[in-house]
Amino acid sequence: MSQIEATYPRDSALADKVIEVLASKLGKPARSIHLDSDLLLDLEVDSLSMAELTVLVEQVGGVRIPGDALLDARTVGDLVDLLVRHSTPNSRLDRVGLG
């Protein structure tokens, strides 16, 4: 069982999709991005990149994340947690093509 499956048993497809989007946007291999990857220290996401990533991640999750909630996101796992908390199961599945 992967770290994603263990952490998000019902949302592993969503977590995988978030990592895929981050990898594509940041030009990094997906296998180098983990749930505990620090957005600033490990992935070098600056404020402009974070704004762009926010839009992409919201599209993946099919939800709007309040701006103040995003200020607390320090890791990839934090982004996935925000999506899980602000979406419904059906919207998550629809966005990753499983619904």
C-alpha atoms as a PDB file:
ATOM      1  CA  MET A   1       0.000   0.000   0.000  1.00  0.00           C
ATOM      2  CA  SER A   2       1.382   3.414  -0.956  1.00  0.00           C
ATOM      3  CA  GLN A   3       1.629   6.401   1.379  1.00  0.00           C
ATOM      4  CA  ILE A   4      -1.226   8.019  -0.539  1.00  0.00           C
ATOM      5  CA  GLU A   5      -3.488   4.986  -0.242  1.00  0.00           C
ATOM      6  CA  ALA A   6      -2.714   4.704   3.475  1.00  0.00           C
ATOM      7  CA  THR A   7      -3.350   8.395   4.133  1.00  0.00           C
ATOM      8  CA  TYR A   8      -6.319   8.872   1.792  1.00  0.00           C
ATOM      9  CA  PRO A   9      -7.950   5.452   1.378  1.00  0.00           C
ATOM     10  CA  ARG A  10     -11.042   6.967  -0.250  1.00  0.00           C
ATOM     11  CA  ASP A  11      -9.267   9.833  -1.987  1.00  0.00           C
ATOM     12  CA  SER A  12      -6.057   8.313  -3.324  1.00  0.00           C
ATOM     13  CA  ALA A  13      -7.031   9.129  -6.930  1.00  0.00           C
ATOM     14  CA  LEU A  14      -7.485  12.768  -5.924  1.00  0.00           C
ATOM     15  CA  ALA A  15      -4.099  12.863  -4.173  1.00  0.00           C
ATOM     16  CA  ASP A  16      -2.450  11.241  -7.203  1.00  0.00           C
ATOM     17  CA  LYS A  17      -4.045  13.840  -9.472  1.00  0.00           C
ATOM     18  CA  VAL A  18      -2.842  16.727  -7.274  1.00  0.00           C
ATOM     19  CA  ILE A  19       0.702  15.362  -7.439  1.00  0.00           C
ATOM     20  CA  GLU A  20       0.411  14.950 -11.220  1.00  0.00           C
ATOM     21  CA  VAL A  21      -0.732  18.571 -11.606  1.00  0.00           C
ATOM     22  CA  LEU A  22       2.051  19.840  -9.342  1.00  0.00           C
ATOM     23  CA  ALA A  23       4.661  17.825 -11.245  1.00  0.00           C
ATOM     24  CA  SER A  24       3.450  19.151 -14.585  1.00  0.00           C
ATOM     25  CA  LYS A  25       3.315  22.773 -13.449  1.00  0.00           C
ATOM     26  CA  LEU A  26       6.653  22.673 -11.619  1.00  0.00           C
ATOM     27  CA  GLY A  27       8.497  20.616 -14.236  1.00  0.00           C
ATOM     28  CA  LYS A  28       9.408  17.910 -11.742  1.00  0.00           C
ATOM     29  CA  PRO A  29       8.938  14.148 -11.936  1.00  0.00           C
ATOM     30  CA  ALA A  30       5.799  13.042 -10.084  1.00  0.00           C
ATOM     31  CA  ARG A  31       7.780  10.347  -8.272  1.00  0.00           C
ATOM     32  CA  SER A  32       9.824  13.097  -6.594  1.00  0.00           C
ATOM     33  CA  ILE A  33       6.731  14.740  -5.078  1.00  0.00           C
ATOM     34  CA  HIS A  34       5.300  13.248  -1.904  1.00  0.00           C
ATOM     35  CA  LEU A  35       2.527  14.164   0.505  1.00  0.00           C
ATOM     36  CA  ASP A  36       5.095  15.460   2.973  1.00  0.00           C
ATOM     37  CA  SER A  37       6.957  17.535   0.358  1.00  0.00           C
ATOM     38  CA  ASP A  38       7.225  21.102   1.612  1.00  0.00           C
ATOM     39  CA  LEU A  39       5.836  23.496  -0.988  1.00  0.00           C
ATOM     40  CA  LEU A  40       8.436  26.182  -0.317  1.00  0.00           C
ATOM     41  CA  LEU A  41      11.523  24.255   0.773  1.00  0.00           C
ATOM     42  CA  ASP A  42      11.259  21.086  -1.333  1.00  0.00           C
ATOM     43  CA  LEU A  43       9.304  22.269  -4.365  1.00  0.00           C
ATOM     44  CA  GLU A  44      10.413  25.923  -4.373  1.00  0.00           C
ATOM     45  CA  VAL A  45       6.885  27.249  -4.827  1.00  0.00           C
ATOM     46  CA  ASP A  46       6.898  31.038  -4.546  1.00  0.00           C
ATOM     47  CA  SER A  47       3.841  33.231  -4.013  1.00  0.00           C
ATOM     48  CA  LEU A  48       3.147  33.627  -7.742  1.00  0.00           C
ATOM     49  CA  SER A  49       3.464  29.898  -8.351  1.00  0.00           C
ATOM     50  CA  MET A  50       1.215  29.246  -5.344  1.00  0.00           C
ATOM     51  CA  ALA A  51      -1.488  31.456  -6.838  1.00  0.00           C
ATOM     52  CA  GLU A  52      -1.292  29.531 -10.126  1.00  0.00           C
ATOM     53  CA  LEU A  53      -1.215  26.177  -8.344  1.00  0.00           C
ATOM     54  CA  THR A  54      -4.239  27.166  -6.287  1.00  0.00           C
ATOM     55  CA  VAL A  55      -6.329  27.577  -9.419  1.00  0.00           C
ATOM     56  CA  LEU A  56      -5.126  24.250 -10.824  1.00  0.00           C
ATOM     57  CA  VAL A  57      -5.684  22.376  -7.572  1.00  0.00           C
ATOM     58  CA  GLU A  58      -9.167  23.876  -7.218  1.00  0.00           C
ATOM     59  CA  GLN A  59      -9.958  22.668 -10.739  1.00  0.00           C
ATOM     60  CA  VAL A  60      -8.768  19.166  -9.848  1.00  0.00           C
ATOM     61  CA  GLY A  61     -10.954  19.102  -6.732  1.00  0.00           C
ATOM     62  CA  GLY A  62     -13.879  20.925  -8.302  1.00  0.00           C
ATOM     63  CA  VAL A  63     -14.103  23.295  -5.347  1.00  0.00           C
ATOM     64  CA  ARG A  64     -13.225  26.797  -4.284  1.00  0.00           C
ATOM     65  CA  ILE A  65     -10.794  26.930  -1.371  1.00  0.00           C
ATOM     66  CA  PRO A  66     -10.984  30.043   0.832  1.00  0.00           C
ATOM     67  CA  GLY A  67      -7.844  32.166   0.476  1.00  0.00           C
ATOM     68  CA  ASP A  68      -7.119  32.196   4.185  1.00  0.00           C
ATOM     69  CA  ALA A  69      -7.137  28.380   4.270  1.00  0.00           C
ATOM     70  CA  LEU A  70      -4.451  28.280   1.601  1.00  0.00           C
ATOM     71  CA  LEU A  71      -2.126  30.356   3.750  1.00  0.00           C
ATOM     72  CA  ASP A  72      -1.846  27.370   6.092  1.00  0.00           C
ATOM     73  CA  ALA A  73      -0.910  24.908   3.327  1.00  0.00           C
ATOM     74  CA  ARG A  74       2.730  23.999   3.821  1.00  0.00           C
ATOM     75  CA  THR A  75       2.887  20.561   2.199  1.00  0.00           C
ATOM     76  CA  VAL A  76       1.354  18.696  -0.717  1.00  0.00           C
ATOM     77  CA  GLY A  77      -0.677  16.731   1.836  1.00  0.00           C
ATOM     78  CA  ASP A  78      -2.054  20.013   3.193  1.00  0.00           C
ATOM     79  CA  LEU A  79      -3.354  20.861  -0.296  1.00  0.00           C
ATOM     80  CA  VAL A  80      -5.021  17.472  -0.603  1.00  0.00           C
ATOM     81  CA  ASP A  81      -6.532  17.886   2.880  1.00  0.00           C
ATOM     82  CA  LEU A  82      -8.021  21.227   1.835  1.00  0.00           C
ATOM     83  CA  LEU A  83      -9.598  19.667  -1.236  1.00  0.00           C
ATOM     84  CA  VAL A  84     -11.011  16.785   0.769  1.00  0.00           C
ATOM     85  CA  ARG A  85     -12.450  19.132   3.406  1.00  0.00           C
ATOM     86  CA  HIS A  86     -14.042  21.523   0.887  1.00  0.00           C
ATOM     87  CA  SER A  87     -15.496  19.044  -1.566  1.00  0.00           C
ATOM     88  CA  THR A  88     -18.081  16.316  -1.728  1.00  0.00           C
ATOM     89  CA  PRO A  89     -17.220  12.718  -2.646  1.00  0.00           C
ATOM     90  CA  ASN A  90     -19.017  13.024  -5.994  1.00  0.00           C
ATOM     91  CA  SER A  91     -17.220  16.218  -7.014  1.00  0.00           C
ATOM     92  CA  ARG A  92     -13.849  14.609  -6.216  1.00  0.00           C
ATOM     93  CA  LEU A  93     -14.619  11.553  -8.306  1.00  0.00           C
ATOM     94  CA  ASP A  94     -15.993  13.573 -11.199  1.00  0.00           C
ATOM     95  CA  ARG A  95     -12.874  15.762 -11.355  1.00  0.00           C
ATOM     96  CA  VAL A  96     -10.462  12.859 -11.575  1.00  0.00           C
ATOM     97  CA  GLY A  97     -12.600  11.118 -14.187  1.00  0.00           C
ATOM     98  CA  LEU A  98     -13.983   8.393 -11.944  1.00  0.00           C
ATOM     99  CA  GLY A  99     -17.518   9.632 -11.446  1.00  0.00           C
END
